[in-house]
Amino acid sequence: MGYRLRSPPRKIWTKWLLLLLLALSVAAPALAQAGQTDWSSVITQAKPAVVRIIATTPAGIASGSGVLIAEDGLILTAAHVIEKASQITVVVEETREYQATVIQSDSEADVAVLKIPASGLWYLTLGDSKSLA
């Protein structure tokens, strides 16, 4: 079994845009104060919170990414990544594997929240667009 693309390109861009916005919500205030646009610091800060998701479905294996949003293992991802999955494996920091459960999934919005049995994880705090200048 190999990995396969399970979504149209629009959903792929939506997923990456979501991940970029989450990363910016963490690093943008600090960068704005410093007057910098150093993207390497944004990536460095966000990378430990980005996870790999491997879903076993009736059609085969699907793979995607997600973002830790709480230290106790809550993960935000795209719903199409985990759609119809019988098993979901999450890889944290490229080395640790956990079995995930689906907390909530909305296929219309293409958003899902997963939970892994872990604690003390690096995570990104969701921003509030109303607080942006």
N, C-alpha and C. Protein backbone atom coordinates (compact mmCIF):
# COMPACT_ATOMS: atom_id res chain seq x y z
N MET A 1 0.83 -1.18 0.00
CA MET A 1 0.00 0.00 0.00
C MET A 1 0.87 1.24 0.00
N GLY A 2 0.50 2.21 -0.77
CA GLY A 2 1.24 3.46 -0.81
C GLY A 2 0.38 4.63 -0.40
N TYR A 3 0.97 5.78 -0.37
CA TYR A 3 0.23 6.99 -0.06
C TYR A 3 -0.45 7.47 -1.32
N ARG A 4 -1.58 8.09 -1.15
CA ARG A 4 -2.29 8.59 -2.32
C ARG A 4 -2.89 9.95 -2.00
N LEU A 5 -3.08 10.74 -3.01
CA LEU A 5 -3.70 12.05 -2.86
C LEU A 5 -5.20 11.85 -2.81
N ARG A 6 -5.82 12.30 -1.73
CA ARG A 6 -7.24 12.05 -1.54
C ARG A 6 -8.10 13.28 -1.72
N SER A 7 -7.54 14.40 -2.12
CA SER A 7 -8.33 15.61 -2.18
C SER A 7 -7.98 16.44 -3.40
N PRO A 8 -8.90 17.27 -3.83
CA PRO A 8 -8.58 18.18 -4.92
C PRO A 8 -7.58 19.23 -4.44
N PRO A 9 -6.86 19.87 -5.35
CA PRO A 9 -5.84 20.85 -4.96
C PRO A 9 -6.37 21.95 -4.04
N ARG A 10 -7.62 22.36 -4.18
CA ARG A 10 -8.18 23.41 -3.33
C ARG A 10 -8.06 23.04 -1.86
N LYS A 11 -8.34 21.80 -1.51
CA LYS A 11 -8.26 21.38 -0.12
C LYS A 11 -6.82 21.34 0.38
N ILE A 12 -5.90 21.01 -0.50
CA ILE A 12 -4.49 21.01 -0.10
C ILE A 12 -4.06 22.42 0.27
N TRP A 13 -4.42 23.40 -0.58
CA TRP A 13 -4.06 24.78 -0.29
C TRP A 13 -4.74 25.26 0.98
N THR A 14 -5.98 24.86 1.21
CA THR A 14 -6.69 25.24 2.42
C THR A 14 -5.95 24.73 3.65
N LYS A 15 -5.49 23.48 3.60
CA LYS A 15 -4.77 22.89 4.73
C LYS A 15 -3.49 23.66 5.02
N TRP A 16 -2.70 23.93 3.98
CA TRP A 16 -1.42 24.62 4.19
C TRP A 16 -1.64 26.06 4.62
N LEU A 17 -2.69 26.70 4.11
CA LEU A 17 -3.00 28.06 4.54
C LEU A 17 -3.37 28.07 6.01
N LEU A 18 -4.15 27.08 6.45
CA LEU A 18 -4.52 26.97 7.85
C LEU A 18 -3.28 26.81 8.72
N LEU A 19 -2.37 25.92 8.33
CA LEU A 19 -1.14 25.71 9.10
C LEU A 19 -0.29 26.97 9.14
N LEU A 20 -0.19 27.69 8.02
CA LEU A 20 0.59 28.93 7.99
C LEU A 20 -0.04 29.98 8.90
N LEU A 21 -1.35 30.11 8.86
CA LEU A 21 -2.03 31.09 9.72
C LEU A 21 -1.84 30.76 11.19
N LEU A 22 -1.88 29.48 11.53
CA LEU A 22 -1.64 29.09 12.92
C LEU A 22 -0.23 29.45 13.35
N ALA A 23 0.73 29.19 12.49
CA ALA A 23 2.12 29.52 12.81
C ALA A 23 2.29 31.02 12.95
N LEU A 24 1.68 31.78 12.07
CA LEU A 24 1.79 33.24 12.16
C LEU A 24 1.13 33.79 13.41
N SER A 25 0.05 33.16 13.85
CA SER A 25 -0.63 33.66 15.06
C SER A 25 0.27 33.56 16.28
N VAL A 26 1.21 32.63 16.25
CA VAL A 26 2.15 32.48 17.36
C VAL A 26 3.30 33.47 17.24
N ALA A 27 3.87 33.58 16.06
CA ALA A 27 5.12 34.33 15.90
C ALA A 27 4.93 35.78 15.46
N ALA A 28 3.82 36.12 14.85
CA ALA A 28 3.65 37.45 14.29
C ALA A 28 3.80 38.58 15.31
N PRO A 29 3.20 38.48 16.51
CA PRO A 29 3.37 39.58 17.46
C PRO A 29 4.83 39.87 17.79
N ALA A 30 5.61 38.84 18.00
CA ALA A 30 7.02 39.04 18.33
C ALA A 30 7.78 39.62 17.14
N LEU A 31 7.48 39.14 15.94
CA LEU A 31 8.15 39.66 14.76
C LEU A 31 7.77 41.11 14.49
N ALA A 32 6.50 41.44 14.71
CA ALA A 32 6.06 42.81 14.49
C ALA A 32 6.75 43.78 15.45
N GLN A 33 6.89 43.39 16.70
CA GLN A 33 7.57 44.25 17.67
C GLN A 33 9.02 44.44 17.29
N ALA A 34 9.65 43.42 16.77
CA ALA A 34 11.06 43.50 16.42
C ALA A 34 11.27 44.13 15.04
N GLY A 35 10.17 44.35 14.30
CA GLY A 35 10.27 44.92 12.96
C GLY A 35 10.93 43.97 11.97
N GLN A 36 10.78 42.68 12.19
CA GLN A 36 11.42 41.67 11.35
C GLN A 36 10.41 40.94 10.49
N THR A 37 10.91 40.31 9.45
CA THR A 37 10.13 39.37 8.65
C THR A 37 10.96 38.11 8.44
N ASP A 38 11.56 37.63 9.48
CA ASP A 38 12.41 36.45 9.43
C ASP A 38 11.55 35.20 9.53
N TRP A 39 11.22 34.59 8.37
CA TRP A 39 10.36 33.43 8.34
C TRP A 39 11.00 32.21 8.97
N SER A 40 12.31 32.17 9.02
CA SER A 40 12.96 31.00 9.62
C SER A 40 12.62 30.89 11.10
N SER A 41 12.45 32.02 11.78
CA SER A 41 12.08 31.95 13.20
C SER A 41 10.64 31.47 13.37
N VAL A 42 9.76 31.83 12.44
CA VAL A 42 8.38 31.35 12.49
C VAL A 42 8.36 29.84 12.33
N ILE A 43 9.10 29.35 11.35
CA ILE A 43 9.14 27.91 11.09
C ILE A 43 9.75 27.17 12.27
N THR A 44 10.83 27.71 12.83
CA THR A 44 11.48 27.08 13.97
C THR A 44 10.54 26.98 15.16
N GLN A 45 9.76 28.04 15.41
CA GLN A 45 8.81 28.03 16.53
C GLN A 45 7.65 27.07 16.29
N ALA A 46 7.19 26.97 15.06
CA ALA A 46 6.00 26.17 14.76
C ALA A 46 6.28 24.69 14.55
N LYS A 47 7.46 24.35 14.06
CA LYS A 47 7.75 22.98 13.64
C LYS A 47 7.47 21.91 14.70
N PRO A 48 7.83 22.10 15.97
CA PRO A 48 7.57 21.03 16.94
C PRO A 48 6.08 20.75 17.15
N ALA A 49 5.22 21.68 16.76
CA ALA A 49 3.78 21.49 16.94
C ALA A 49 3.10 20.89 15.72
N VAL A 50 3.82 20.76 14.61
CA VAL A 50 3.25 20.18 13.40
C VAL A 50 3.43 18.67 13.45
N VAL A 51 2.34 17.94 13.20
CA VAL A 51 2.37 16.48 13.28
C VAL A 51 2.02 15.87 11.93
N ARG A 52 2.43 14.62 11.76
CA ARG A 52 2.08 13.84 10.58
C ARG A 52 0.93 12.93 10.96
N ILE A 53 -0.03 12.81 10.08
CA ILE A 53 -1.20 11.96 10.33
C ILE A 53 -1.27 10.89 9.25
N ILE A 54 -1.39 9.64 9.68
CA ILE A 54 -1.51 8.50 8.77
C ILE A 54 -2.83 7.81 9.10
N ALA A 55 -3.72 7.78 8.13
CA ALA A 55 -5.06 7.21 8.34
C ALA A 55 -5.24 5.96 7.50
N THR A 56 -5.72 4.90 8.14
CA THR A 56 -6.04 3.66 7.43
C THR A 56 -7.52 3.71 7.08
N THR A 57 -7.82 3.66 5.78
CA THR A 57 -9.20 3.74 5.31
C THR A 57 -9.53 2.50 4.49
N PRO A 58 -10.81 2.27 4.17
CA PRO A 58 -11.15 1.13 3.32
C PRO A 58 -10.45 1.18 1.96
N ALA A 59 -10.11 2.39 1.50
CA ALA A 59 -9.47 2.54 0.19
C ALA A 59 -7.94 2.45 0.27
N GLY A 60 -7.39 2.39 1.47
CA GLY A 60 -5.93 2.33 1.61
C GLY A 60 -5.42 3.26 2.69
N ILE A 61 -4.21 3.76 2.48
CA ILE A 61 -3.57 4.63 3.45
C ILE A 61 -3.63 6.07 2.95
N ALA A 62 -4.01 6.98 3.83
CA ALA A 62 -4.00 8.41 3.52
C ALA A 62 -3.05 9.09 4.49
N SER A 63 -2.42 10.16 4.03
CA SER A 63 -1.45 10.85 4.86
C SER A 63 -1.70 12.35 4.78
N GLY A 64 -1.46 13.04 5.89
CA GLY A 64 -1.63 14.48 5.93
C GLY A 64 -0.88 15.06 7.10
N SER A 65 -1.22 16.27 7.45
CA SER A 65 -0.57 16.93 8.57
C SER A 65 -1.61 17.57 9.46
N GLY A 66 -1.16 17.98 10.63
CA GLY A 66 -2.03 18.66 11.58
C GLY A 66 -1.16 19.50 12.51
N VAL A 67 -1.83 20.18 13.43
CA VAL A 67 -1.13 21.05 14.37
C VAL A 67 -1.64 20.78 15.77
N LEU A 68 -0.71 20.60 16.70
CA LEU A 68 -1.09 20.47 18.11
C LEU A 68 -1.60 21.82 18.60
N ILE A 69 -2.77 21.83 19.24
CA ILE A 69 -3.35 23.08 19.73
C ILE A 69 -3.52 23.08 21.25
N ALA A 70 -3.04 22.03 21.91
CA ALA A 70 -3.07 21.97 23.37
C ALA A 70 -1.98 21.00 23.82
N GLU A 71 -1.41 21.25 24.99
CA GLU A 71 -0.30 20.41 25.48
C GLU A 71 -0.73 18.99 25.79
N ASP A 72 -2.04 18.76 25.93
CA ASP A 72 -2.53 17.43 26.26
C ASP A 72 -2.93 16.60 25.04
N GLY A 73 -2.49 17.01 23.84
CA GLY A 73 -2.67 16.17 22.66
C GLY A 73 -3.84 16.47 21.76
N LEU A 74 -4.45 17.65 21.85
CA LEU A 74 -5.49 18.02 20.88
C LEU A 74 -4.83 18.47 19.59
N ILE A 75 -5.38 18.01 18.47
CA ILE A 75 -4.79 18.28 17.16
C ILE A 75 -5.85 18.82 16.22
N LEU A 76 -5.51 19.86 15.48
CA LEU A 76 -6.37 20.41 14.45
C LEU A 76 -5.83 19.94 13.10
N THR A 77 -6.72 19.39 12.26
CA THR A 77 -6.31 18.90 10.95
C THR A 77 -7.46 19.09 9.96
N ALA A 78 -7.24 18.67 8.74
CA ALA A 78 -8.29 18.71 7.72
C ALA A 78 -9.12 17.43 7.81
N ALA A 79 -10.43 17.57 7.71
CA ALA A 79 -11.33 16.41 7.85
C ALA A 79 -11.12 15.38 6.75
N HIS A 80 -10.75 15.82 5.56
CA HIS A 80 -10.58 14.85 4.47
C HIS A 80 -9.41 13.90 4.72
N VAL A 81 -8.47 14.30 5.57
CA VAL A 81 -7.33 13.43 5.88
C VAL A 81 -7.78 12.19 6.65
N ILE A 82 -8.76 12.34 7.52
CA ILE A 82 -9.18 11.24 8.40
C ILE A 82 -10.53 10.64 8.02
N GLU A 83 -11.09 11.10 6.90
CA GLU A 83 -12.41 10.64 6.48
C GLU A 83 -12.46 9.11 6.31
N LYS A 84 -13.42 8.49 6.95
CA LYS A 84 -13.66 7.03 6.89
C LYS A 84 -12.48 6.20 7.43
N ALA A 85 -11.66 6.79 8.27
CA ALA A 85 -10.50 6.06 8.79
C ALA A 85 -10.92 5.09 9.88
N SER A 86 -10.35 3.89 9.82
CA SER A 86 -10.57 2.91 10.87
C SER A 86 -9.46 2.99 11.92
N GLN A 87 -8.34 3.58 11.53
CA GLN A 87 -7.22 3.77 12.45
C GLN A 87 -6.50 5.04 12.05
N ILE A 88 -6.12 5.84 13.07
CA ILE A 88 -5.40 7.09 12.81
C ILE A 88 -4.14 7.09 13.67
N THR A 89 -2.99 7.20 13.01
CA THR A 89 -1.72 7.27 13.70
C THR A 89 -1.17 8.68 13.55
N VAL A 90 -0.71 9.25 14.65
CA VAL A 90 -0.13 10.59 14.64
C VAL A 90 1.34 10.47 15.01
N VAL A 91 2.19 11.09 14.19
CA VAL A 91 3.63 11.10 14.45
C VAL A 91 4.01 12.49 14.93
N VAL A 92 4.54 12.55 16.16
CA VAL A 92 4.93 13.81 16.79
C VAL A 92 6.46 13.93 16.74
N GLU A 93 6.92 15.10 16.34
CA GLU A 93 8.36 15.40 16.26
C GLU A 93 9.13 14.33 15.49
N GLU A 94 8.49 13.79 14.48
CA GLU A 94 9.08 12.83 13.54
C GLU A 94 9.55 11.52 14.18
N THR A 95 9.25 11.30 15.47
CA THR A 95 9.76 10.09 16.12
C THR A 95 8.73 9.33 16.95
N ARG A 96 7.83 10.04 17.60
CA ARG A 96 6.88 9.37 18.51
C ARG A 96 5.54 9.15 17.83
N GLU A 97 5.02 7.93 17.93
CA GLU A 97 3.73 7.58 17.31
C GLU A 97 2.66 7.36 18.36
N TYR A 98 1.46 7.86 18.08
CA TYR A 98 0.31 7.69 18.97
C TYR A 98 -0.90 7.31 18.13
N GLN A 99 -1.82 6.56 18.71
CA GLN A 99 -3.10 6.28 18.08
C GLN A 99 -4.05 7.40 18.50
N ALA A 100 -4.74 7.98 17.52
CA ALA A 100 -5.61 9.12 17.78
C ALA A 100 -7.08 8.73 17.73
N THR A 101 -7.89 9.48 18.46
CA THR A 101 -9.34 9.36 18.36
C THR A 101 -9.89 10.67 17.81
N VAL A 102 -11.01 10.58 17.11
CA VAL A 102 -11.65 11.76 16.54
C VAL A 102 -12.55 12.38 17.60
N ILE A 103 -12.31 13.63 17.92
CA ILE A 103 -13.16 14.36 18.86
C ILE A 103 -14.33 14.99 18.12
N GLN A 104 -14.04 15.63 16.98
CA GLN A 104 -15.07 16.28 16.17
C GLN A 104 -14.56 16.39 14.74
N SER A 105 -15.46 16.27 13.78
CA SER A 105 -15.09 16.40 12.38
C SER A 105 -16.23 17.07 11.62
N ASP A 106 -15.89 18.02 10.76
CA ASP A 106 -16.88 18.71 9.94
C ASP A 106 -16.39 18.68 8.50
N SER A 107 -16.99 17.81 7.69
CA SER A 107 -16.52 17.64 6.31
C SER A 107 -16.81 18.86 5.44
N GLU A 108 -17.88 19.60 5.73
CA GLU A 108 -18.18 20.80 4.95
C GLU A 108 -17.11 21.88 5.15
N ALA A 109 -16.69 22.07 6.39
CA ALA A 109 -15.64 23.05 6.69
C ALA A 109 -14.25 22.46 6.50
N ASP A 110 -14.17 21.14 6.31
CA ASP A 110 -12.92 20.40 6.15
C ASP A 110 -11.99 20.62 7.35
N VAL A 111 -12.56 20.49 8.54
CA VAL A 111 -11.80 20.67 9.78
C VAL A 111 -12.13 19.50 10.71
N ALA A 112 -11.09 19.01 11.40
CA ALA A 112 -11.29 17.94 12.38
C ALA A 112 -10.39 18.19 13.58
N VAL A 113 -10.86 17.71 14.74
CA VAL A 113 -10.07 17.77 15.96
C VAL A 113 -9.84 16.34 16.42
N LEU A 114 -8.56 16.00 16.64
CA LEU A 114 -8.17 14.68 17.11
C LEU A 114 -7.59 14.79 18.50
N LYS A 115 -7.48 13.64 19.18
CA LYS A 115 -6.87 13.59 20.51
C LYS A 115 -5.93 12.41 20.56
N ILE A 116 -4.70 12.66 21.06
CA ILE A 116 -3.75 11.58 21.28
C ILE A 116 -3.47 11.49 22.78
N PRO A 117 -3.11 10.30 23.27
CA PRO A 117 -2.85 10.13 24.70
C PRO A 117 -1.43 10.56 25.06
N ALA A 118 -1.25 11.87 25.18
CA ALA A 118 0.07 12.42 25.50
C ALA A 118 -0.12 13.71 26.29
N SER A 119 0.94 14.15 26.93
CA SER A 119 0.89 15.43 27.64
C SER A 119 2.26 16.10 27.56
N GLY A 120 2.29 17.37 27.90
CA GLY A 120 3.53 18.12 27.88
C GLY A 120 4.06 18.38 26.48
N LEU A 121 3.16 18.42 25.50
CA LEU A 121 3.57 18.62 24.11
C LEU A 121 3.67 20.10 23.76
N TRP A 122 4.57 20.42 22.82
CA TRP A 122 4.68 21.77 22.29
C TRP A 122 3.45 22.01 21.41
N TYR A 123 2.80 23.16 21.54
CA TYR A 123 1.60 23.42 20.76
C TYR A 123 1.53 24.89 20.33
N LEU A 124 0.69 25.15 19.36
CA LEU A 124 0.46 26.51 18.89
C LEU A 124 -0.84 27.03 19.49
N THR A 125 -0.82 28.27 19.90
CA THR A 125 -2.01 28.91 20.43
C THR A 125 -2.78 29.53 19.26
N LEU A 126 -4.07 29.26 19.19
CA LEU A 126 -4.87 29.85 18.14
C LEU A 126 -5.01 31.35 18.40
N GLY A 127 -4.87 32.11 17.32
CA GLY A 127 -4.96 33.56 17.44
C GLY A 127 -6.38 34.05 17.34
N ASP A 128 -6.56 35.33 17.61
CA ASP A 128 -7.85 35.99 17.50
C ASP A 128 -7.71 37.09 16.46
N SER A 129 -8.37 36.94 15.33
CA SER A 129 -8.23 37.90 14.24
C SER A 129 -8.68 39.31 14.64
N LYS A 130 -9.53 39.43 15.65
CA LYS A 130 -9.97 40.73 16.12
C LYS A 130 -8.86 41.52 16.81
N SER A 131 -7.85 40.79 17.29
CA SER A 131 -6.77 41.47 18.00
C SER A 131 -5.64 41.93 17.08
N LEU A 132 -5.75 41.62 15.78
CA LEU A 132 -4.74 42.06 14.82
C LEU A 132 -4.94 43.53 14.47
N ALA A 133 -3.87 44.24 14.32
CA ALA A 133 -3.97 45.67 14.00
C ALA A 133 -4.12 45.89 12.52
